[in-house]
Amino acid sequence: MIEARYIVETPLDPERVAGIMAGEQSCGTFVRVEGETDALRERAGAKVLSVRDMGGCPPSLHSAWLARKGHRGASHRAEVVIGFPEANVGANLATLAATVAGNLFDLGEVTGLRLEDVRVTEEYRRRFPLPSHGVAGTRAVTGGQGPLIGSIIKPNVGLPAEEIGALAARLCAAGLDFIKDDEIAANPDHAPIGARIRAVMAAVRRHRDRTGKQVMVAFNITDETDAMRRHADLIEAEGGSCAMVSLNWCGFSAVETLRRHTGLAIHGHRNGYGAFSRHPALGIGFGAYQVLWRLAGVDHMHVHGLGGKFAQEDAEVIASARACLTPLAEGDDRVLPAFSSGQWAGTVPQTHAAAGADLLFMAGGGIMAHPGGPAAGVASIRDAWDAVLHGQTLEAAKSAPLAAALDFFG
């Protein structure tokens, strides 16, 4: 059975609304129909597993259905857990999403509904691909110990391919484990993806031949499915190890197809996720979101950053990272949480305290804008991690690049 946990708002009896939700997303509709026997309901009907009243609240959203029925007062908020038969869904991720979410957001009986978590059985999880790299595999490629340090190509767009290649060479020499494209830089006219892959990988190979270190580069191949497969093939042909995908805009099917097609690590970028998550009474929480994308086969998941530039509370970022590092099945199917957005050496202590060291710590401005240049930016972050891993404060680390970062960014 697949279990989904929701926070529901309604002026009606929450138990009744939970039953409507279960029927709507399994074998029922608003009236019983011919052929909907008791035996069929027992076999294919979703089950309400629990309903916990969380108290009254003003309605968050308008419902024309409730207005027509004369329900204009306060709502109740309740936690609802529903179990869906696996046989209704099969190993079909798009249909799983349609089942646990789908029309529920449009139900007239609710003034708010948010999918918070999805739990699957060991057997069901095994019907989907495990990450090809995940935490351990990404470490194996990069040779990185402790947190992996990464950066983003900046300026986000506008640089031609040859300049991006030169910047990648500087970032490799600076000592990074990981480099990624920005989410809006995929296949622009001024830097076609084929030329960009070749220019960057030439720099990566030169660095590897000189130092023995293979830097992982997440090329943004977001596109229609056939194009993504072609771009992944070119990355592999050039000796690369990772592709980045804007998950929300490519969709489950495209990412699943890419996962079957390539052995590259898939760096899952969640841009646009705020549209699903920012309203507390509507959308999809990260707990549910990351389960669905892990079933698609991603290896890394963005969680934003602590004390960063985006709207999420630090507690949400921490919970998101811990969710990525919680196995869905026996064995290591963890995915690497990617911290980004306003990160620099000064955000290292709180990141370590909250999430440990199994993570990708990415800084764009925190590296590229360091007054000593990118190499000093990387050094400041490595020195900060070395300090906290040895129980020191950043101020006691006595590192010139770190001191400069604290003075400039702090």
Protein backbone atom coordinates (compact mmCIF):
# COMPACT_ATOMS: atom_id res chain seq x y z
CA MET A 1 0.00 0.00 0.00
CA ILE A 2 1.16 3.54 -0.83
CA GLU A 3 0.54 5.95 2.04
CA ALA A 4 0.02 9.66 1.47
CA ARG A 5 -0.22 12.23 4.24
CA TYR A 6 -2.12 15.49 3.74
CA ILE A 7 -3.02 18.65 5.62
CA VAL A 8 -6.63 19.43 4.72
CA GLU A 9 -8.80 22.48 5.40
CA THR A 10 -12.58 22.20 5.23
CA PRO A 11 -15.71 23.59 6.92
CA LEU A 12 -17.19 20.09 6.68
CA ASP A 13 -16.55 17.01 8.82
CA PRO A 14 -12.90 16.10 8.15
CA GLU A 15 -13.72 12.37 8.37
CA ARG A 16 -16.29 12.78 5.62
CA VAL A 17 -13.90 14.79 3.44
CA ALA A 18 -11.15 12.18 3.92
CA GLY A 19 -13.58 9.56 2.58
CA ILE A 20 -14.34 11.76 -0.43
CA MET A 21 -10.62 12.12 -1.09
CA ALA A 22 -10.09 8.36 -0.95
CA GLY A 23 -12.99 7.68 -3.29
CA GLU A 24 -12.08 10.41 -5.78
CA GLN A 25 -8.53 9.08 -6.16
CA SER A 26 -9.39 5.39 -6.44
CA CYS A 27 -12.55 3.67 -7.70
CA GLY A 28 -15.20 6.26 -6.85
CA THR A 29 -16.76 9.49 -8.06
CA PHE A 30 -19.42 11.81 -6.60
CA VAL A 31 -22.10 9.09 -6.94
CA ARG A 32 -21.91 5.30 -6.91
CA VAL A 33 -21.94 3.95 -10.47
CA GLU A 34 -22.93 0.71 -12.13
CA GLY A 35 -20.31 -1.97 -11.64
CA GLU A 36 -18.92 -0.39 -8.47
CA THR A 37 -19.52 -3.46 -6.37
CA ASP A 38 -18.54 -3.98 -2.76
CA ALA A 39 -15.95 -6.50 -3.93
CA LEU A 40 -14.42 -3.98 -6.34
CA ARG A 41 -14.36 -1.33 -3.63
CA GLU A 42 -12.60 -3.70 -1.26
CA ARG A 43 -10.01 -4.56 -3.89
CA ALA A 44 -9.37 -1.16 -5.50
CA GLY A 45 -10.68 1.44 -3.07
CA ALA A 46 -8.30 3.67 -1.17
CA LYS A 47 -8.51 3.46 2.62
CA VAL A 48 -8.61 6.31 5.12
CA LEU A 49 -5.94 5.27 7.63
CA SER A 50 -6.21 8.18 10.06
CA VAL A 51 -7.73 11.61 10.56
CA ARG A 52 -6.34 13.97 13.21
CA ASP A 53 -8.18 17.22 13.86
CA MET A 54 -5.81 20.18 14.15
CA GLY A 55 -8.36 22.82 15.16
CA GLY A 56 -10.29 25.62 13.54
CA CYS A 57 -8.92 28.19 11.12
CA PRO A 58 -10.14 30.84 8.69
CA PRO A 59 -10.52 29.49 5.14
CA SER A 60 -7.34 29.93 3.11
CA LEU A 61 -8.92 29.56 -0.34
CA HIS A 62 -12.30 30.28 -1.90
CA SER A 63 -14.45 27.39 -3.10
CA ALA A 64 -17.38 28.17 -5.40
CA TRP A 65 -18.84 24.73 -4.52
CA LEU A 66 -18.89 25.56 -0.80
CA ALA A 67 -20.37 28.99 -1.52
CA ARG A 68 -23.19 27.43 -3.54
CA LYS A 69 -23.88 25.07 -0.63
CA GLY A 70 -23.98 27.97 1.83
CA HIS A 71 -20.80 27.08 3.75
CA ARG A 72 -19.23 30.46 4.48
CA GLY A 73 -17.88 30.06 8.00
CA ALA A 74 -14.62 28.88 9.53
CA SER A 75 -12.79 25.77 8.39
CA HIS A 76 -11.15 22.95 10.30
CA ARG A 77 -7.62 21.82 9.61
CA ALA A 78 -6.88 18.08 9.81
CA GLU A 79 -4.04 15.70 9.07
CA VAL A 80 -5.32 12.92 6.83
CA VAL A 81 -3.46 9.73 5.90
CA ILE A 82 -4.80 7.66 3.00
CA GLY A 83 -3.56 4.30 1.72
CA PHE A 84 -3.75 3.57 -2.01
CA PRO A 85 -3.51 0.03 -3.42
CA GLU A 86 -0.25 -0.44 -5.33
CA ALA A 87 -2.11 -2.48 -7.94
CA ASN A 88 -4.11 0.61 -8.93
CA VAL A 89 -0.90 2.33 -9.98
CA GLY A 90 1.70 -0.23 -11.01
CA ALA A 91 5.26 0.92 -11.65
CA ASN A 92 4.02 4.15 -13.23
CA LEU A 93 5.38 7.32 -11.68
CA ALA A 94 3.18 9.79 -13.55
CA THR A 95 0.10 7.86 -12.46
CA LEU A 96 1.40 7.64 -8.91
CA ALA A 97 1.59 11.45 -8.85
CA ALA A 98 -1.90 11.71 -10.38
CA THR A 99 -3.17 9.34 -7.68
CA VAL A 100 -1.71 10.96 -4.57
CA ALA A 101 -2.29 14.51 -5.86
CA GLY A 102 -4.28 14.98 -9.07
CA ASN A 103 -7.84 16.26 -8.64
CA LEU A 104 -7.53 16.55 -4.87
CA PHE A 105 -6.38 20.15 -5.15
CA ASP A 106 -9.61 21.02 -6.96
CA LEU A 107 -12.08 19.36 -4.59
CA GLY A 108 -14.96 21.70 -3.80
CA GLU A 109 -15.16 20.48 -0.20
CA VAL A 110 -11.78 21.92 0.77
CA THR A 111 -10.47 25.42 1.39
CA GLY A 112 -6.91 24.14 1.46
CA LEU A 113 -5.06 20.89 0.74
CA ARG A 114 -1.38 20.11 0.85
CA LEU A 115 0.37 16.79 0.16
CA GLU A 116 3.08 16.51 2.81
CA ASP A 117 4.55 13.02 2.52
CA VAL A 118 4.44 9.81 0.48
CA ARG A 119 5.60 6.44 1.81
CA VAL A 120 6.13 3.37 -0.32
CA THR A 121 6.89 -0.23 0.54
CA GLU A 122 10.26 -1.87 0.02
CA GLU A 123 8.83 -4.00 -2.79
CA TYR A 124 7.26 -1.04 -4.56
CA ARG A 125 10.41 1.07 -4.33
CA ARG A 126 12.37 -1.73 -6.00
CA ARG A 127 10.17 -1.44 -9.09
CA PHE A 128 11.88 1.88 -9.84
CA PRO A 129 15.55 2.60 -10.54
CA LEU A 130 17.96 3.25 -7.72
CA PRO A 131 20.27 6.27 -8.11
CA SER A 132 23.14 5.47 -10.44
CA HIS A 133 25.53 7.53 -8.30
CA GLY A 134 23.81 9.03 -5.26
CA VAL A 135 26.02 9.96 -2.32
CA ALA A 136 28.67 7.25 -2.58
CA GLY A 137 28.91 7.28 -6.36
CA THR A 138 29.33 11.04 -6.53
CA ARG A 139 32.13 10.82 -4.00
CA ALA A 140 33.75 8.04 -6.01
CA VAL A 141 33.76 10.14 -9.20
CA THR A 142 35.11 13.30 -7.60
CA GLY A 143 37.38 11.72 -5.01
CA GLY A 144 35.96 14.22 -2.53
CA GLN A 145 36.04 13.59 1.21
CA GLY A 146 33.69 15.33 3.59
CA PRO A 147 31.34 17.88 2.01
CA LEU A 148 31.73 18.32 -1.73
CA ILE A 149 32.43 21.92 -2.70
CA GLY A 150 30.87 23.29 -5.85
CA SER A 151 30.15 26.46 -7.75
CA ILE A 152 27.94 27.74 -10.55
CA ILE A 153 29.00 29.29 -13.83
CA LYS A 154 28.59 33.03 -13.38
CA PRO A 155 27.52 35.25 -15.14
CA ASN A 156 24.49 32.97 -15.51
CA VAL A 157 24.12 33.63 -19.23
CA GLY A 158 25.91 35.74 -21.80
CA LEU A 159 29.35 34.14 -21.93
CA PRO A 160 30.35 32.40 -25.19
CA ALA A 161 31.44 28.76 -25.05
CA GLU A 162 35.16 29.48 -25.17
CA GLU A 163 34.93 31.88 -22.22
CA ILE A 164 32.89 29.34 -20.25
CA GLY A 165 35.62 26.79 -20.95
CA ALA A 166 38.27 29.22 -19.68
CA LEU A 167 36.20 29.91 -16.55
CA ALA A 168 35.79 26.18 -15.97
CA ALA A 169 39.57 25.80 -16.15
CA ARG A 170 39.96 28.49 -13.46
CA LEU A 171 37.36 26.82 -11.25
CA CYS A 172 39.04 23.43 -11.61
CA ALA A 173 42.39 24.96 -10.70
CA ALA A 174 40.73 26.64 -7.71
CA GLY A 175 40.11 23.20 -6.22
CA LEU A 176 36.41 22.56 -6.72
CA ASP A 177 34.81 19.13 -6.68
CA PHE A 178 31.76 20.17 -8.68
CA ILE A 179 30.68 22.80 -11.24
CA LYS A 180 27.19 23.35 -12.58
CA ASP A 181 25.39 25.45 -15.14
CA ASP A 182 22.75 27.88 -14.02
CA GLU A 183 19.18 26.68 -14.55
CA ILE A 184 18.50 29.30 -17.22
CA ALA A 185 21.61 28.39 -19.24
CA ALA A 186 20.80 25.32 -21.32
CA ASN A 187 21.23 25.82 -25.06
CA PRO A 188 21.49 29.57 -25.72
CA ASP A 189 22.40 30.92 -29.14
CA HIS A 190 25.59 32.53 -27.81
CA ALA A 191 26.82 29.28 -26.21
CA PRO A 192 25.27 26.22 -27.90
CA ILE A 193 25.31 23.24 -25.60
CA GLY A 194 27.47 21.12 -27.89
CA ALA A 195 30.18 23.76 -28.05
CA ARG A 196 29.90 24.38 -24.32
CA ILE A 197 30.25 20.70 -23.40
CA ARG A 198 33.33 20.34 -25.60
CA ALA A 199 35.00 23.50 -24.29
CA VAL A 200 34.37 22.72 -20.63
CA MET A 201 35.29 19.04 -20.83
CA ALA A 202 38.54 19.91 -22.59
CA ALA A 203 39.41 22.01 -19.53
CA VAL A 204 38.28 19.26 -17.15
CA ARG A 205 40.39 16.64 -18.94
CA ARG A 206 43.48 18.87 -18.88
CA HIS A 207 43.01 19.38 -15.16
CA ARG A 208 42.55 15.63 -14.62
CA ASP A 209 45.67 14.82 -16.64
CA ARG A 210 47.68 17.36 -14.66
CA THR A 211 46.40 16.61 -11.15
CA GLY A 212 44.59 13.26 -11.27
CA LYS A 213 41.36 14.87 -10.01
CA GLN A 214 38.12 14.48 -12.00
CA VAL A 215 35.85 17.46 -11.42
CA MET A 216 32.15 16.65 -11.86
CA VAL A 217 30.34 19.09 -14.15
CA ALA A 218 26.54 19.19 -14.24
CA PHE A 219 25.70 20.40 -17.72
CA ASN A 220 22.17 21.79 -17.99
CA ILE A 221 20.57 19.64 -20.68
CA THR A 222 16.97 20.70 -19.95
CA ASP A 223 15.08 20.34 -23.23
CA GLU A 224 12.64 17.99 -24.93
CA THR A 225 13.38 14.33 -24.31
CA ASP A 226 15.17 13.37 -27.52
CA ALA A 227 17.45 16.40 -27.27
CA MET A 228 18.30 15.55 -23.65
CA ARG A 229 19.32 12.05 -24.69
CA ARG A 230 21.56 13.43 -27.45
CA HIS A 231 23.16 15.90 -25.06
CA ALA A 232 23.73 13.16 -22.46
CA ASP A 233 25.45 11.05 -25.11
CA LEU A 234 27.80 13.94 -25.92
CA ILE A 235 28.64 14.44 -22.23
CA GLU A 236 29.56 10.77 -21.94
CA ALA A 237 31.56 10.85 -25.18
CA GLU A 238 33.55 13.81 -23.83
CA GLY A 239 34.29 11.98 -20.56
CA GLY A 240 31.73 13.80 -18.41
CA SER A 241 29.84 12.31 -15.50
CA CYS A 242 26.76 14.46 -14.80
CA ALA A 243 23.75 16.14 -16.38
CA MET A 244 21.49 18.72 -14.79
CA VAL A 245 17.74 18.78 -15.41
CA SER A 246 15.09 21.32 -14.41
CA LEU A 247 12.77 18.71 -12.94
CA ASN A 248 9.49 20.59 -12.84
CA TRP A 249 9.60 21.68 -16.47
CA CYS A 250 10.80 18.40 -17.97
CA GLY A 251 8.45 16.19 -15.97
CA PHE A 252 8.61 12.68 -14.58
CA SER A 253 8.44 10.88 -17.92
CA ALA A 254 11.35 12.75 -19.47
CA VAL A 255 13.55 12.24 -16.41
CA GLU A 256 12.67 8.53 -16.23
CA THR A 257 13.54 8.16 -19.91
CA LEU A 258 16.85 9.94 -19.35
CA ARG A 259 17.62 7.72 -16.35
CA ARG A 260 17.09 4.57 -18.45
CA HIS A 261 19.18 6.01 -21.28
CA THR A 262 22.32 7.13 -19.46
CA GLY A 263 24.61 6.22 -16.60
CA LEU A 264 25.39 9.88 -15.90
CA ALA A 265 24.56 11.27 -12.51
CA ILE A 266 21.34 13.29 -12.75
CA HIS A 267 21.53 16.57 -10.87
CA GLY A 268 17.91 17.43 -10.06
CA HIS A 269 17.27 21.17 -10.02
CA ARG A 270 13.95 22.09 -8.44
CA ASN A 271 13.55 25.64 -9.83
CA GLY A 272 9.88 26.54 -9.70
CA TYR A 273 9.29 24.44 -6.60
CA GLY A 274 8.14 27.50 -4.68
CA ALA A 275 4.97 27.51 -6.78
CA PHE A 276 4.11 24.12 -5.26
CA SER A 277 5.25 24.78 -1.72
CA ARG A 278 5.18 28.35 -0.45
CA HIS A 279 1.52 28.52 0.58
CA PRO A 280 1.06 26.55 3.82
CA ALA A 281 -2.44 25.41 2.81
CA LEU A 282 -1.80 24.44 -0.81
CA GLY A 283 0.61 22.38 -2.84
CA ILE A 284 3.25 19.73 -2.23
CA GLY A 285 5.73 19.62 0.65
CA PHE A 286 9.32 18.57 0.02
CA GLY A 287 8.84 15.28 1.86
CA ALA A 288 6.44 14.08 -0.83
CA TYR A 289 8.22 15.89 -3.65
CA GLN A 290 11.60 14.26 -3.08
CA VAL A 291 10.10 10.76 -2.88
CA LEU A 292 8.53 11.11 -6.32
CA TRP A 293 11.71 12.41 -7.92
CA ARG A 294 13.84 9.77 -6.23
CA LEU A 295 11.62 7.14 -7.83
CA ALA A 296 12.41 8.82 -11.16
CA GLY A 297 16.10 8.07 -10.54
CA VAL A 298 17.78 11.37 -9.68
CA ASP A 299 21.12 11.40 -7.84
CA HIS A 300 21.20 14.93 -6.41
CA MET A 301 18.37 17.17 -5.17
CA HIS A 302 18.44 20.90 -4.50
CA VAL A 303 17.28 21.93 -1.02
CA HIS A 304 18.28 25.65 -1.06
CA GLY A 305 20.61 26.93 1.65
CA LEU A 306 20.68 28.01 5.29
CA GLY A 307 20.51 31.73 5.83
CA GLY A 308 20.23 32.04 2.06
CA LYS A 309 18.52 34.40 -0.34
CA PHE A 310 15.26 32.47 -0.80
CA ALA A 311 12.01 32.41 1.18
CA GLN A 312 12.22 29.01 2.89
CA GLU A 313 12.78 28.86 6.63
CA ASP A 314 16.02 27.19 7.72
CA ALA A 315 13.97 24.45 9.41
CA GLU A 316 12.46 23.54 6.04
CA VAL A 317 15.89 23.43 4.37
CA ILE A 318 17.21 21.16 7.14
CA ALA A 319 14.21 18.82 6.93
CA SER A 320 14.62 18.66 3.15
CA ALA A 321 18.28 17.66 3.38
CA ARG A 322 17.53 15.00 5.98
CA ALA A 323 14.73 13.61 3.79
CA CYS A 324 17.18 13.18 0.90
CA LEU A 325 19.53 11.25 3.19
CA THR A 326 16.81 8.95 4.55
CA PRO A 327 16.72 5.62 2.65
CA LEU A 328 13.43 4.65 1.01
CA ALA A 329 14.53 1.02 0.91
CA GLU A 330 17.24 -1.25 2.28
CA GLY A 331 20.64 -0.46 0.90
CA ASP A 332 21.92 2.96 -0.07
CA ASP A 333 19.34 4.73 -2.20
CA ARG A 334 20.10 8.11 -0.61
CA VAL A 335 20.49 11.12 -2.87
CA LEU A 336 22.94 13.95 -2.31
CA PRO A 337 21.33 17.14 -0.96
CA ALA A 338 22.61 20.18 -2.84
CA PHE A 339 22.81 23.36 -0.75
CA SER A 340 22.86 26.61 -2.72
CA SER A 341 21.45 30.16 -2.79
CA GLY A 342 23.50 32.74 -0.96
CA GLN A 343 26.00 30.27 0.48
CA TRP A 344 29.53 31.29 1.48
CA ALA A 345 32.10 30.39 4.13
CA GLY A 346 30.04 32.02 6.87
CA THR A 347 27.09 29.67 6.38
CA VAL A 348 29.25 26.57 6.87
CA PRO A 349 28.89 26.18 10.69
CA GLN A 350 25.08 26.15 10.66
CA THR A 351 25.04 23.83 7.64
CA HIS A 352 27.32 21.32 9.34
CA ALA A 353 25.37 21.50 12.61
CA ALA A 354 22.12 20.83 10.78
CA ALA A 355 23.06 18.36 8.07
CA GLY A 356 26.49 16.88 8.71
CA ALA A 357 28.90 16.47 5.83
CA ASP A 358 27.10 14.23 3.31
CA LEU A 359 26.16 17.12 1.08
CA LEU A 360 27.07 19.27 -1.89
CA PHE A 361 27.85 22.82 -0.75
CA MET A 362 27.57 25.19 -3.70
CA ALA A 363 28.48 28.86 -3.74
CA GLY A 364 28.26 31.12 -6.75
CA GLY A 365 28.84 34.62 -5.47
CA GLY A 366 30.46 33.20 -2.34
CA ILE A 367 33.29 31.96 -4.57
CA MET A 368 33.21 34.15 -7.67
CA ALA A 369 32.87 37.43 -5.73
CA HIS A 370 35.55 36.72 -3.10
CA PRO A 371 37.92 39.70 -3.07
CA GLY A 372 40.85 37.38 -3.66
CA GLY A 373 39.25 35.70 -6.68
CA PRO A 374 37.71 32.23 -7.17
CA ALA A 375 40.68 30.28 -5.79
CA ALA A 376 40.55 32.27 -2.56
CA GLY A 377 36.77 31.83 -2.49
CA VAL A 378 37.12 28.04 -2.66
CA ALA A 379 39.92 28.12 -0.07
CA SER A 380 37.75 30.16 2.30
CA ILE A 381 34.99 27.54 2.15
CA ARG A 382 37.36 24.59 2.52
CA ASP A 383 39.04 26.31 5.47
CA ALA A 384 35.63 26.95 7.03
CA TRP A 385 34.66 23.28 6.70
CA ASP A 386 38.03 22.17 8.04
CA ALA A 387 37.52 24.42 11.05
CA VAL A 388 34.04 23.18 11.96
CA LEU A 389 35.01 19.54 11.39
CA HIS A 390 37.79 20.05 13.93
CA GLY A 391 35.58 21.86 16.43
CA GLN A 392 36.98 25.35 15.80
CA THR A 393 35.21 28.64 15.27
CA LEU A 394 35.76 30.34 11.91
CA GLU A 395 37.49 33.28 13.61
CA ALA A 396 39.98 30.92 15.28
CA ALA A 397 40.93 29.20 12.01
CA LYS A 398 43.60 31.82 11.17
CA SER A 399 43.11 31.52 7.43
CA ALA A 400 43.71 34.57 5.26
CA PRO A 401 41.08 33.58 2.61
CA LEU A 402 38.54 32.84 5.35
CA ALA A 403 39.26 36.08 7.17
CA ALA A 404 38.81 38.00 3.91
CA ALA A 405 35.48 36.24 3.28
CA LEU A 406 34.21 37.05 6.78
CA ASP A 407 35.19 40.67 6.34
CA PHE A 408 33.73 41.02 2.82
CA PHE A 409 30.52 38.97 2.98
CA GLY A 410 29.83 39.28 6.69
